[in-house]
């Protein structure tokens, strides 16, 4: 009996394929070269690269030390949740701690994610919105339900709120801390979207919880959360909101003398001193912006006394900080050195801001060199710092660049400041660099039109048109924006009210470099 001869078995040569490749290459079962953005396999053949799953990628954890999240939560994640949780760990947190360490982001939030599904869903929501904001150059785009990232963020926020509501009816002692963390995450997400009204509602909910507690022990885990709410509460003064927190209001009673140690021995000590000073100074300055010329004249003596007190306090801090700089700067890590440089920019910015806060008209020409020096210091810092986070809660460059771009007597210097802001799209707490740029452009155009400058010839500028539309679109879905001190101070709305959102706000050709 003859046996049938079987065809020789063909063995397919095994091709190595990367488990960390893009989605398109993994679907095609080919090796991916993992080029950033889009791989060469796809782009060279005309295919659309579907990008990478963040949870598959390897990350360098150079400056961020993250605890390991327990396995029981990781097993519950679907593909999208794994991707955005990984994005939060290795991108969002890295942004928050780019200049200063924070136990809130490096420890507490991850511990809570591991134990609290409510926080885990809120974290994923923030991660998806942040990634979308980075893709749009930190523009305030609002909710776009046709976009997959926003659909995912909405789903995660709905789950978080549902779980939080269920937990709120229990007697669980951890509910308060969980609710505070969710308030913070929702607040930051709404700011990224440009929903300032909703963001302030979440912020005030957290502040009410803190004030109802009346007293928070300094050793409790809540202190990191309390500090985050305190800083956002102070920033709210720029928008005519607050401060509301009891602890911030009590700072006024303690006065400026208790803010500055006689000797600064650490960067953290210097940072706390600046935060304390600004918690009293920022609300006062923004209140001055809202005063009419008549009100300033009626209270001029008292206002000048307060102005001199703030200038004296910041100059005292500057003297002691420079001594610290000479003693300690060389011993600091590179990250701490960047933080020290930011602190120096901050007190320089606040000194100049306090000097001009009672001047609602044109700033005297003799102050121009101080504006130029302040801008040059910011430009030098940015050139020296390749790492530019897209969002963080602490001090940064926006306040100083706002001062220069809105008030410098020389419009050429203002344009430099606007370009500097545009070169680093980011959020500093609730302050958005593009929104500040838009306010500066609208204010400068308003001033030029009022002065009837002969050279104020309209020019076609895509950047200008984009900033103007951006400003009006932001104000359109923000309630009570006409009460923002930064807009009233510069009479921006008054000067821009004659146009529509499509009108161009041309600058002067002669002022361009």
Protein backbone atom coordinates (compact mmCIF):
# COMPACT_ATOMS: atom_id res chain seq x y z
CA UNK A 1 0.00 0.00 0.00
CA UNK A 2 1.48 3.21 -1.11
CA UNK A 3 1.67 6.00 1.30
CA UNK A 4 0.68 9.39 0.12
CA UNK A 5 3.61 11.71 0.13
CA UNK A 6 2.95 14.78 2.16
CA UNK A 7 4.09 18.12 0.94
CA UNK A 8 7.07 19.41 2.83
CA UNK A 9 6.04 21.66 5.65
CA UNK A 10 6.91 25.24 5.00
CA UNK A 11 8.07 27.13 7.94
CA UNK A 12 7.36 30.82 7.78
CA UNK A 13 10.37 32.76 8.78
CA UNK A 14 9.56 34.48 12.01
CA UNK A 15 9.75 38.21 11.83
CA UNK A 16 10.49 40.14 14.93
CA UNK A 17 7.80 42.61 15.66
CA UNK A 18 7.79 45.12 18.41
CA UNK A 19 5.25 44.86 21.21
CA UNK A 20 5.64 48.59 21.69
CA UNK A 21 5.04 49.60 18.06
CA UNK A 22 2.27 51.75 16.63
CA UNK A 23 -1.23 50.34 16.32
CA UNK A 24 -1.04 50.19 12.49
CA UNK A 25 2.18 48.12 12.43
CA UNK A 26 0.94 45.79 15.13
CA UNK A 27 -2.28 45.21 13.15
CA UNK A 28 -0.18 44.48 10.03
CA UNK A 29 2.18 42.22 12.07
CA UNK A 30 5.28 44.08 10.93
CA UNK A 31 8.14 45.52 12.88
CA UNK A 32 7.68 49.18 13.75
CA UNK A 33 10.60 51.59 13.94
CA UNK A 34 8.74 53.54 16.68
CA UNK A 35 9.60 56.97 15.32
CA UNK A 36 8.11 59.75 17.47
CA UNK A 37 4.72 60.99 16.32
CA UNK A 38 4.29 58.65 13.33
CA UNK A 39 6.49 55.70 12.36
CA UNK A 40 8.42 55.65 9.08
CA UNK A 41 6.79 52.37 7.99
CA UNK A 42 3.45 54.14 7.77
CA UNK A 43 4.54 57.56 6.56
CA UNK A 44 6.83 56.19 3.83
CA UNK A 45 4.04 54.01 2.37
CA UNK A 46 1.31 56.64 2.58
CA UNK A 47 -0.53 54.89 5.39
CA UNK A 48 -2.11 56.74 8.28
CA UNK A 49 -0.20 55.94 11.45
CA UNK A 50 -2.74 55.34 14.25
CA UNK A 51 -0.18 56.24 16.91
CA UNK A 52 1.03 54.41 19.99
CA UNK A 53 -0.66 52.94 23.02
CA UNK A 54 0.90 54.89 25.87
CA UNK A 55 0.79 51.93 28.26
CA UNK A 56 3.09 49.96 25.90
CA UNK A 57 5.85 52.56 25.78
CA UNK A 58 8.94 52.69 27.94
CA UNK A 59 9.54 55.93 29.83
CA UNK A 60 12.57 57.54 31.34
CA UNK A 61 11.93 58.51 34.92
CA UNK A 62 14.83 60.89 35.33
CA UNK A 63 13.41 63.48 37.72
CA UNK A 64 10.13 61.93 38.81
CA UNK A 65 10.07 59.18 41.42
CA UNK A 66 6.72 57.40 41.24
CA UNK A 67 5.46 54.67 43.56
CA UNK A 68 4.30 51.41 42.05
CA UNK A 69 0.54 51.24 41.69
CA UNK A 70 -0.98 48.03 43.03
CA UNK A 71 -1.89 45.24 40.65
CA UNK A 72 -5.56 45.06 41.61
CA UNK A 73 -6.40 48.39 39.97
CA UNK A 74 -4.23 47.73 36.91
CA UNK A 75 -6.08 44.50 36.12
CA UNK A 76 -9.34 46.43 35.95
CA UNK A 77 -8.22 48.82 33.22
CA UNK A 78 -9.28 48.47 29.61
CA UNK A 79 -6.91 49.50 26.81
CA UNK A 80 -7.90 53.17 26.77
CA UNK A 81 -7.80 53.43 30.54
CA UNK A 82 -4.35 51.84 30.67
CA UNK A 83 -3.18 54.26 28.03
CA UNK A 84 -4.41 57.40 29.78
CA UNK A 85 -3.40 56.27 33.23
CA UNK A 86 0.12 55.70 31.88
CA UNK A 87 -0.04 59.11 30.21
CA UNK A 88 -1.01 60.67 33.53
CA UNK A 89 1.84 58.97 35.37
CA UNK A 90 4.59 59.81 32.93
CA UNK A 91 3.43 63.03 31.29
CA UNK A 92 0.95 64.93 33.44
CA UNK A 93 2.78 64.35 36.72
CA UNK A 94 6.11 65.18 35.08
CA UNK A 95 4.64 68.56 34.09
CA UNK A 96 3.38 69.35 37.59
CA UNK A 97 6.77 68.65 39.21
CA UNK A 98 9.03 70.06 36.47
CA UNK A 99 10.32 72.91 38.67
CA UNK A 100 9.40 71.98 42.25
CA UNK A 101 8.81 68.61 43.90
CA UNK A 102 5.28 67.93 45.11
CA UNK A 103 4.14 65.09 47.33
CA UNK A 104 0.62 65.74 46.07
CA UNK A 105 1.52 64.56 42.55
CA UNK A 106 4.46 62.28 43.25
CA UNK A 107 2.83 60.32 46.07
CA UNK A 108 -0.67 61.17 47.28
CA UNK A 109 -2.63 61.11 44.01
CA UNK A 110 -1.16 57.75 42.98
CA UNK A 111 -1.84 56.23 46.39
CA UNK A 112 -5.45 57.39 46.11
CA UNK A 113 -5.77 56.07 42.56
CA UNK A 114 -4.71 52.64 43.79
CA UNK A 115 -7.43 52.60 46.44
CA UNK A 116 -10.18 54.83 45.02
CA UNK A 117 -11.86 54.15 41.64
CA UNK A 118 -13.45 57.61 41.94
CA UNK A 119 -10.03 59.27 41.79
CA UNK A 120 -8.77 56.87 39.14
CA UNK A 121 -11.56 57.86 36.72
CA UNK A 122 -10.99 61.57 37.45
CA UNK A 123 -7.27 61.12 36.75
CA UNK A 124 -8.03 59.52 33.39
CA UNK A 125 -10.37 62.40 32.56
CA UNK A 126 -7.64 64.97 33.26
CA UNK A 127 -5.10 62.95 31.25
CA UNK A 128 -7.33 62.80 28.14
CA UNK A 129 -8.15 66.52 28.30
CA UNK A 130 -4.50 67.41 28.89
CA UNK A 131 -3.33 65.36 25.91
CA UNK A 132 -5.92 67.07 23.72
CA UNK A 133 -4.85 70.49 25.05
CA UNK A 134 -1.22 69.76 24.22
CA UNK A 135 -2.23 68.77 20.68
CA UNK A 136 -4.07 72.09 20.29
CA UNK A 137 -1.16 74.16 21.68
CA UNK A 138 -3.01 74.70 24.99
CA UNK A 139 -5.85 76.58 23.33
CA UNK A 140 -9.13 76.71 25.26
CA UNK A 141 -11.14 74.52 22.90
CA UNK A 142 -14.17 73.72 25.04
CA UNK A 143 -15.96 70.38 24.92
CA UNK A 144 -15.79 68.63 21.53
CA UNK A 145 -17.97 65.55 21.86
CA UNK A 146 -17.14 64.38 18.34
CA UNK A 147 -13.52 63.99 19.43
CA UNK A 148 -12.51 60.57 20.89
CA UNK A 149 -10.43 62.10 23.69
CA UNK A 150 -13.31 64.26 24.84
CA UNK A 151 -15.74 61.34 24.58
CA UNK A 152 -13.43 59.30 26.79
CA UNK A 153 -13.01 62.21 29.24
CA UNK A 154 -16.78 62.64 29.50
CA UNK A 155 -17.24 58.92 30.15
CA UNK A 156 -14.58 58.95 32.87
CA UNK A 157 -15.97 62.08 34.52
CA UNK A 158 -19.47 60.55 34.58
CA UNK A 159 -18.14 57.42 36.27
CA UNK A 160 -16.14 59.43 38.77
CA UNK A 161 -19.11 61.62 39.74
CA UNK A 162 -21.42 58.60 40.04
CA UNK A 163 -19.01 56.80 42.35
CA UNK A 164 -18.40 59.97 44.35
CA UNK A 165 -22.13 60.49 44.80
CA UNK A 166 -22.51 56.91 46.03
CA UNK A 167 -19.57 57.32 48.44
CA UNK A 168 -20.93 60.63 49.71
CA UNK A 169 -23.94 58.91 51.26
CA UNK A 170 -21.72 56.69 53.39
CA UNK A 171 -19.99 57.40 56.69
CA UNK A 172 -16.57 56.58 55.23
CA UNK A 173 -13.93 58.82 56.88
CA UNK A 174 -11.96 58.95 53.61
CA UNK A 175 -14.80 60.59 51.67
CA UNK A 176 -13.60 64.10 52.49
CA UNK A 177 -10.10 63.56 51.11
CA UNK A 178 -11.40 61.74 48.02
CA UNK A 179 -13.87 64.56 47.33
CA UNK A 180 -11.14 67.19 47.66
CA UNK A 181 -8.88 65.35 45.21
CA UNK A 182 -11.73 65.02 42.70
CA UNK A 183 -12.58 68.73 43.10
CA UNK A 184 -8.97 69.58 42.26
CA UNK A 185 -8.83 67.26 39.23
CA UNK A 186 -12.17 68.55 37.89
CA UNK A 187 -11.08 72.16 38.47
CA UNK A 188 -7.88 71.69 36.45
CA UNK A 189 -9.74 69.86 33.67
CA UNK A 190 -12.27 72.69 33.30
CA UNK A 191 -9.50 75.30 33.18
CA UNK A 192 -7.81 73.34 30.37
CA UNK A 193 -11.09 73.42 28.45
CA UNK A 194 -11.51 77.16 29.08
CA UNK A 195 -14.64 76.67 31.18
CA UNK A 196 -13.66 79.21 33.83
CA UNK A 197 -17.13 79.50 35.34
CA UNK A 198 -17.45 75.75 35.91
CA UNK A 199 -13.84 75.52 37.09
CA UNK A 200 -14.46 78.14 39.78
CA UNK A 201 -17.57 76.24 40.90
CA UNK A 202 -15.48 73.10 41.47
CA UNK A 203 -12.77 75.16 43.16
CA UNK A 204 -15.26 76.79 45.54
CA UNK A 205 -16.76 73.38 46.37
CA UNK A 206 -13.34 72.23 47.54
CA UNK A 207 -12.76 75.45 49.48
CA UNK A 208 -16.12 75.07 51.25
CA UNK A 209 -15.16 71.56 52.32
CA UNK A 210 -11.86 72.85 53.70
CA UNK A 211 -13.46 75.76 55.52
CA UNK A 212 -16.16 73.55 57.01
CA UNK A 213 -13.43 71.40 58.50
CA UNK A 214 -12.20 74.62 60.20
CA UNK A 215 -8.84 73.17 61.15
CA UNK A 216 -6.48 70.86 59.29
CA UNK A 217 -3.63 69.32 61.24
CA UNK A 218 -0.23 70.19 59.78
CA UNK A 219 0.82 66.53 59.84
CA UNK A 220 -2.20 65.27 57.91
CA UNK A 221 -2.10 64.09 54.31
CA UNK A 222 -4.54 66.87 53.51
CA UNK A 223 -1.83 69.53 53.75
CA UNK A 224 -0.62 68.92 50.19
CA UNK A 225 -4.18 69.27 48.92
CA UNK A 226 -4.77 72.36 51.07
CA UNK A 227 -1.70 74.04 49.58
CA UNK A 228 -2.93 73.37 46.03
CA UNK A 229 -6.32 74.92 46.81
CA UNK A 230 -4.64 77.88 48.52
CA UNK A 231 -2.56 78.68 45.44
CA UNK A 232 -5.53 78.41 43.07
CA UNK A 233 -7.61 80.54 45.43
CA UNK A 234 -5.00 83.31 45.28
CA UNK A 235 -4.75 83.07 41.49
CA UNK A 236 -8.50 83.57 41.33
CA UNK A 237 -7.96 87.17 42.37
CA UNK A 238 -6.70 87.83 38.82
CA UNK A 239 -10.24 87.06 37.66
CA UNK A 240 -12.02 89.01 40.38
CA UNK A 241 -12.81 85.79 42.25
CA UNK A 242 -11.80 85.56 45.92
CA UNK A 243 -9.74 84.83 47.81
CA UNK A 244 -12.25 82.83 49.83
CA UNK A 245 -10.19 80.39 51.90
CA UNK A 246 -10.07 81.16 55.59
CA UNK A 247 -6.34 80.46 55.73
CA UNK A 248 -5.67 82.97 52.94
CA UNK A 249 -7.82 85.64 54.58
CA UNK A 250 -5.98 85.12 57.88
CA UNK A 251 -2.66 85.94 56.21
CA UNK A 252 -3.65 89.62 56.09
CA UNK A 253 -3.95 89.65 59.85
CA UNK A 254 -0.45 88.23 60.29
CA UNK A 255 1.01 90.94 58.09
CA UNK A 256 4.08 91.08 55.88
CA UNK A 257 6.72 91.00 58.60
CA UNK A 258 6.07 87.32 59.36
CA UNK A 259 6.52 86.31 55.71
CA UNK A 260 10.29 86.48 55.40
CA UNK A 261 12.75 84.55 57.58
CA UNK A 262 15.82 86.50 58.63
CA UNK A 263 17.92 83.82 56.92
CA UNK A 264 16.91 81.58 54.02
CA UNK A 265 18.52 78.15 54.33
CA UNK A 266 16.63 76.17 51.68
CA UNK A 267 14.80 76.64 48.42
CA UNK A 268 11.59 75.36 50.03
CA UNK A 269 11.86 78.05 52.71
CA UNK A 270 12.29 80.75 50.05
CA UNK A 271 9.36 79.34 48.05
CA UNK A 272 7.07 79.42 51.09
CA UNK A 273 8.07 83.03 51.78
CA UNK A 274 7.21 84.12 48.22
CA UNK A 275 3.90 82.26 48.33
CA UNK A 276 3.04 83.99 51.60
CA UNK A 277 3.92 87.43 50.22
CA UNK A 278 1.95 86.89 47.03
CA UNK A 279 -1.07 85.57 48.92
CA UNK A 280 -1.41 89.07 50.40
CA UNK A 281 -0.07 91.14 47.51
CA UNK A 282 -1.87 89.63 44.49
CA UNK A 283 -5.44 90.27 45.76
CA UNK A 284 -4.46 93.83 46.73
CA UNK A 285 -2.90 94.57 43.32
CA UNK A 286 -5.89 93.20 41.41
CA UNK A 287 -8.19 95.26 43.62
CA UNK A 288 -6.19 98.35 42.64
CA UNK A 289 -6.67 97.43 38.98
CA UNK A 290 -10.43 97.52 39.50
CA UNK A 291 -10.47 100.97 41.13
CA UNK A 292 -11.48 103.99 39.09
CA UNK A 293 -9.17 106.98 38.83
CA UNK A 294 -11.53 108.85 41.16
CA UNK A 295 -11.34 106.09 43.77
CA UNK A 296 -7.55 106.02 43.57
CA UNK A 297 -7.34 109.79 44.11
CA UNK A 298 -9.74 109.63 47.04
CA UNK A 299 -7.66 106.96 48.80
CA UNK A 300 -4.25 107.85 47.42
CA UNK A 301 -2.39 108.30 50.72
CA UNK A 302 -3.54 104.95 52.14
CA UNK A 303 -2.89 103.15 48.85
CA UNK A 304 0.61 104.61 48.59
CA UNK A 305 1.42 103.49 52.12
CA UNK A 306 0.38 99.95 51.27
CA UNK A 307 2.30 100.11 48.01
CA UNK A 308 5.48 101.13 49.85
CA UNK A 309 4.96 98.32 52.37
CA UNK A 310 4.77 95.70 49.61
CA UNK A 311 7.80 97.13 47.80
CA UNK A 312 9.77 97.08 51.05
CA UNK A 313 8.77 93.46 51.73
CA UNK A 314 9.76 92.24 48.26
CA UNK A 315 13.03 94.18 48.36
CA UNK A 316 13.81 92.65 51.77
CA UNK A 317 13.12 89.20 50.36
CA UNK A 318 15.31 90.01 47.32
CA UNK A 319 18.26 90.94 49.56
CA UNK A 320 17.97 87.75 51.63
CA UNK A 321 17.39 85.59 48.59
CA UNK A 322 20.51 86.93 46.88
CA UNK A 323 22.51 85.97 49.97
CA UNK A 324 21.00 82.49 49.78
CA UNK A 325 21.81 82.40 46.05
CA UNK A 326 25.47 83.16 46.65
CA UNK A 327 25.75 80.57 49.42
CA UNK A 328 23.67 77.72 48.04
CA UNK A 329 23.07 77.98 44.28
CA UNK A 330 26.15 75.96 43.27
CA UNK A 331 25.12 73.13 45.62
CA UNK A 332 21.58 72.80 44.24
CA UNK A 333 20.52 70.16 41.73
CA UNK A 334 19.77 71.31 38.17
CA UNK A 335 16.04 71.14 38.91
CA UNK A 336 16.44 73.16 42.11
CA UNK A 337 18.52 75.72 40.21
CA UNK A 338 15.68 76.19 37.72
CA UNK A 339 13.33 76.63 40.65
CA UNK A 340 15.63 79.24 42.19
CA UNK A 341 15.79 81.10 38.87
CA UNK A 342 11.98 81.11 38.71
CA UNK A 343 11.83 82.53 42.24
CA UNK A 344 14.12 85.36 41.19
CA UNK A 345 11.91 86.10 38.16
CA UNK A 346 8.88 86.11 40.41
CA UNK A 347 10.02 88.72 42.89
CA UNK A 348 11.38 90.91 40.08
CA UNK A 349 7.97 90.67 38.38
CA UNK A 350 6.05 91.49 41.54
CA UNK A 351 8.22 94.50 42.36
CA UNK A 352 7.51 96.06 38.96
CA UNK A 353 3.83 95.09 39.11
CA UNK A 354 3.42 96.81 42.49
CA UNK A 355 5.21 99.92 41.21
CA UNK A 356 2.70 100.47 38.39
CA UNK A 357 -0.53 99.12 39.91
CA UNK A 358 -1.81 102.62 40.82
CA UNK A 359 -1.05 103.98 37.33
CA UNK A 360 -4.01 103.32 35.05
CA UNK A 361 -2.87 105.61 32.28
CA UNK A 362 0.40 105.46 30.33
CA UNK A 363 3.32 104.18 32.38
CA UNK A 364 6.17 106.73 32.72
CA UNK A 365 8.91 106.34 30.14
CA UNK A 366 11.65 106.21 32.78
CA UNK A 367 10.43 102.74 33.79
CA UNK A 368 11.10 101.30 30.31
CA UNK A 369 14.59 100.00 31.25
CA UNK A 370 13.03 97.99 34.10
CA UNK A 371 10.58 96.37 31.67
CA UNK A 372 13.42 95.58 29.28
CA UNK A 373 15.49 94.03 32.09
CA UNK A 374 12.54 91.94 33.28
CA UNK A 375 11.79 90.69 29.76
CA UNK A 376 15.46 89.87 29.10
CA UNK A 377 15.57 87.82 32.32
CA UNK A 378 12.52 85.82 31.21
CA UNK A 379 13.96 85.26 27.73
CA UNK A 380 17.26 84.06 29.24
CA UNK A 381 15.46 81.65 31.55
CA UNK A 382 13.45 80.13 28.70
CA UNK A 383 16.50 79.78 26.46
CA UNK A 384 18.33 78.04 29.28
CA UNK A 385 15.45 75.69 30.16
CA UNK A 386 14.73 73.10 27.46
CA UNK A 387 12.05 71.52 29.69
CA UNK A 388 8.89 73.58 29.35
CA UNK A 389 5.94 71.97 31.13
CA UNK A 390 2.49 72.52 29.69
CA UNK A 391 0.75 72.76 33.07
CA UNK A 392 1.84 73.36 36.66
CA UNK A 393 0.37 74.99 39.76
CA UNK A 394 3.23 77.04 41.12
CA UNK A 395 5.01 80.24 40.15
CA UNK A 396 6.16 80.68 36.58
CA UNK A 397 6.74 83.23 33.83
CA UNK A 398 3.21 84.31 32.87
CA UNK A 399 2.75 87.00 35.52
CA UNK A 400 6.01 88.76 34.59
CA UNK A 401 5.34 88.55 30.86
CA UNK A 402 1.79 89.80 31.43
CA UNK A 403 3.25 92.88 33.13
CA UNK A 404 5.62 93.60 30.22
CA UNK A 405 3.21 92.77 27.38
CA UNK A 406 0.41 94.94 28.82
CA UNK A 407 2.14 97.93 30.43
CA UNK A 408 5.58 98.63 28.94
CA UNK A 409 5.66 102.15 27.38
CA UNK A 410 7.64 100.78 24.40
CA UNK A 411 5.35 98.75 22.14
CA UNK A 412 8.31 97.02 20.52
CA UNK A 413 9.18 95.55 23.91
CA UNK A 414 5.55 94.51 24.34
CA UNK A 415 5.65 92.62 21.06
CA UNK A 416 8.77 90.78 22.21
CA UNK A 417 6.93 89.76 25.38
CA UNK A 418 3.92 88.54 23.38
CA UNK A 419 6.18 86.48 21.12
CA UNK A 420 7.88 85.04 24.21
CA UNK A 421 4.50 84.04 25.64
CA UNK A 422 3.52 82.46 22.33
CA UNK A 423 6.72 80.42 22.21
CA UNK A 424 5.69 78.52 25.35
CA UNK A 425 2.00 77.51 25.29
CA UNK A 426 1.12 76.48 28.84
CA UNK A 427 -1.05 76.84 31.90
CA UNK A 428 0.33 78.29 35.12
CA UNK A 429 -2.46 77.24 37.44
CA UNK A 430 -5.48 78.87 35.82
CA UNK A 431 -3.43 81.42 33.85
CA UNK A 432 -3.16 80.56 30.16
CA UNK A 433 -0.27 81.98 28.13
CA UNK A 434 -2.34 82.31 24.95
CA UNK A 435 -5.16 84.11 26.76
CA UNK A 436 -2.68 86.56 28.28
CA UNK A 437 -1.20 87.10 24.80
CA UNK A 438 -4.67 87.78 23.39
CA UNK A 439 -5.44 90.33 26.11
CA UNK A 440 -2.12 92.07 25.45
CA UNK A 441 -2.79 92.25 21.69
CA UNK A 442 -6.31 93.62 22.17
CA UNK A 443 -5.11 96.18 24.71
CA UNK A 444 -2.24 97.40 22.54
CA UNK A 445 -4.51 97.81 19.54
CA UNK A 446 -7.03 99.70 21.66
CA UNK A 447 -4.31 102.08 22.87
CA UNK A 448 -2.98 102.67 19.37
CA UNK A 449 -6.44 103.45 18.02
CA UNK A 450 -7.13 105.91 20.84
CA UNK A 451 -3.86 107.68 20.18
CA UNK A 452 -4.71 107.90 16.45
CA UNK A 453 -1.19 106.97 15.44
CA UNK A 454 -0.63 107.74 11.78
CA UNK A 455 1.36 104.55 11.25
CA UNK A 456 -1.44 102.34 12.61
CA UNK A 457 -2.01 100.69 9.25
CA UNK A 458 -3.83 97.39 9.15
CA UNK A 459 -1.70 94.42 8.28
CA UNK A 460 -2.70 90.83 7.64
CA UNK A 461 -1.61 88.72 10.60
CA UNK A 462 -2.78 85.15 11.14
CA UNK A 463 -1.43 85.19 14.68
CA UNK A 464 -3.26 88.39 15.51
CA UNK A 465 -6.54 87.18 14.08
CA UNK A 466 -6.21 83.85 15.90
CA UNK A 467 -5.47 85.54 19.23
CA UNK A 468 -8.37 87.95 18.84
CA UNK A 469 -10.84 85.20 17.99
CA UNK A 470 -9.41 83.14 20.83
CA UNK A 471 -10.01 86.00 23.29
CA UNK A 472 -13.59 86.61 22.22
CA UNK A 473 -14.43 82.89 22.05
CA UNK A 474 -13.10 82.46 25.59
CA UNK A 475 -15.13 85.38 26.89
CA UNK A 476 -18.24 84.16 25.05
CA UNK A 477 -18.62 81.05 27.21
CA UNK A 478 -17.30 82.57 30.44
CA UNK A 479 -19.83 84.26 32.70
CA UNK A 480 -18.93 87.59 34.32
CA UNK A 481 -15.73 87.90 32.27
CA UNK A 482 -16.36 91.63 32.02
CA UNK A 483 -15.48 91.76 35.73
CA UNK A 484 -11.99 90.31 35.29
CA UNK A 485 -9.53 92.92 36.66
CA UNK A 486 -7.06 92.18 33.85
CA UNK A 487 -9.69 93.21 31.28
CA UNK A 488 -11.08 96.19 33.19
CA UNK A 489 -7.57 97.42 33.98
CA UNK A 490 -6.67 97.64 30.32
CA UNK A 491 -10.18 98.61 29.18
CA UNK A 492 -9.79 95.72 26.73
CA UNK A 493 -13.48 95.01 26.34
CA UNK A 494 -14.26 98.68 25.88
CA UNK A 495 -11.68 99.01 23.15
CA UNK A 496 -12.65 95.77 21.46
CA UNK A 497 -16.41 96.01 21.77
CA UNK A 498 -16.78 97.78 18.45
CA UNK A 499 -15.64 94.71 16.53
CA UNK A 500 -16.83 91.17 16.11
CA UNK A 501 -15.00 87.94 16.72
CA UNK A 502 -13.88 87.92 13.11
CA UNK A 503 -12.41 91.42 13.15
CA UNK A 504 -8.64 91.67 12.93
CA UNK A 505 -6.74 93.65 15.50
CA UNK A 506 -3.76 94.85 13.46
CA UNK A 507 -0.54 95.97 15.08
CA UNK A 508 1.89 98.48 13.66
CA UNK A 509 4.28 97.34 10.98
CA UNK A 510 7.02 99.56 12.37
CA UNK A 511 6.99 97.71 15.68
CA UNK A 512 7.80 94.34 14.15
CA UNK A 513 11.42 93.27 14.33
